Amino acid sequence: MNAPELVFVGIDVSKDTLELALDDHSPTRRMSNDVTGIAPLGEELLRLV
């Protein structure tokens, strides 16, 4: 049986923006800290599971 792959996610939260880091090799993604930014963030995180 194989162990599940671990994924570490970093989210920097500020009043106006969210910054998503998935690993050390990819650029971070910045989105607005409101409904229009949080929805794509949720979709991005769901792709990881």
C-alpha atoms as a PDB file:
ATOM      1  CA  MET A   1       0.000   0.000   0.000  1.00  0.00           C
ATOM      2  CA  ASN A   2       1.370   3.407  -0.962  1.00  0.00           C
ATOM      3  CA  ALA A   3       1.309   6.288   1.468  1.00  0.00           C
ATOM      4  CA  PRO A   4      -0.714   9.311   0.314  1.00  0.00           C
ATOM      5  CA  GLU A   5       1.290  12.144  -1.210  1.00  0.00           C
ATOM      6  CA  LEU A   6       1.623  15.067   1.171  1.00  0.00           C
ATOM      7  CA  VAL A   7       0.951  18.529  -0.172  1.00  0.00           C
ATOM      8  CA  PHE A   8       1.905  21.595   1.817  1.00  0.00           C
ATOM      9  CA  VAL A   9       0.106  24.822   1.014  1.00  0.00           C
ATOM     10  CA  GLY A  10       0.956  28.274   2.266  1.00  0.00           C
ATOM     11  CA  ILE A  11      -1.615  31.055   2.225  1.00  0.00           C
ATOM     12  CA  ASP A  12      -0.544  34.567   3.181  1.00  0.00           C
ATOM     13  CA  VAL A  13      -3.633  36.483   4.257  1.00  0.00           C
ATOM     14  CA  SER A  14      -3.873  40.244   4.282  1.00  0.00           C
ATOM     15  CA  LYS A  15      -6.819  42.605   4.359  1.00  0.00           C
ATOM     16  CA  ASP A  16      -6.964  42.976   0.565  1.00  0.00           C
ATOM     17  CA  THR A  17      -5.159  39.943  -0.882  1.00  0.00           C
ATOM     18  CA  LEU A  18      -4.478  36.241  -0.502  1.00  0.00           C
ATOM     19  CA  GLU A  19      -1.191  34.796  -1.746  1.00  0.00           C
ATOM     20  CA  LEU A  20      -1.046  31.058  -2.439  1.00  0.00           C
ATOM     21  CA  ALA A  21       2.217  29.086  -2.458  1.00  0.00           C
ATOM     22  CA  LEU A  22       2.112  25.420  -3.450  1.00  0.00           C
ATOM     23  CA  ASP A  23       5.826  24.621  -3.504  1.00  0.00           C
ATOM     24  CA  ASP A  24       9.267  26.197  -3.633  1.00  0.00           C
ATOM     25  CA  HIS A  25       9.510  25.909  -7.430  1.00  0.00           C
ATOM     26  CA  SER A  26       6.282  27.547  -8.591  1.00  0.00           C
ATOM     27  CA  PRO A  27       5.483  31.239  -8.479  1.00  0.00           C
ATOM     28  CA  THR A  28       2.951  32.314  -5.891  1.00  0.00           C
ATOM     29  CA  ARG A  29      -0.565  33.227  -6.990  1.00  0.00           C
ATOM     30  CA  ARG A  30      -2.155  36.393  -5.677  1.00  0.00           C
ATOM     31  CA  MET A  31      -5.910  36.900  -5.542  1.00  0.00           C
ATOM     32  CA  SER A  32      -8.244  39.369  -3.918  1.00  0.00           C
ATOM     33  CA  ASN A  33      -9.447  38.659  -0.395  1.00  0.00           C
ATOM     34  CA  ASP A  34     -13.134  38.759  -1.317  1.00  0.00           C
ATOM     35  CA  VAL A  35     -15.672  36.453  -2.971  1.00  0.00           C
ATOM     36  CA  THR A  36     -14.122  36.849  -6.428  1.00  0.00           C
ATOM     37  CA  GLY A  37     -10.710  35.788  -5.115  1.00  0.00           C
ATOM     38  CA  ILE A  38     -11.740  33.156  -2.586  1.00  0.00           C
ATOM     39  CA  ALA A  39     -13.806  31.121  -5.080  1.00  0.00           C
ATOM     40  CA  PRO A  40     -10.815  30.410  -7.388  1.00  0.00           C
ATOM     41  CA  LEU A  41      -8.672  29.688  -4.331  1.00  0.00           C
ATOM     42  CA  GLY A  42     -11.145  26.999  -3.236  1.00  0.00           C
ATOM     43  CA  GLU A  43     -11.153  25.494  -6.728  1.00  0.00           C
ATOM     44  CA  GLU A  44      -7.347  25.434  -6.772  1.00  0.00           C
ATOM     45  CA  LEU A  45      -7.221  23.672  -3.402  1.00  0.00           C
ATOM     46  CA  LEU A  46      -9.834  21.100  -4.439  1.00  0.00           C
ATOM     47  CA  ARG A  47      -7.655  20.108  -7.413  1.00  0.00           C
ATOM     48  CA  LEU A  48      -4.974  19.037  -4.943  1.00  0.00           C
ATOM     49  CA  VAL A  49      -7.082  16.355  -3.241  1.00  0.00           C
END
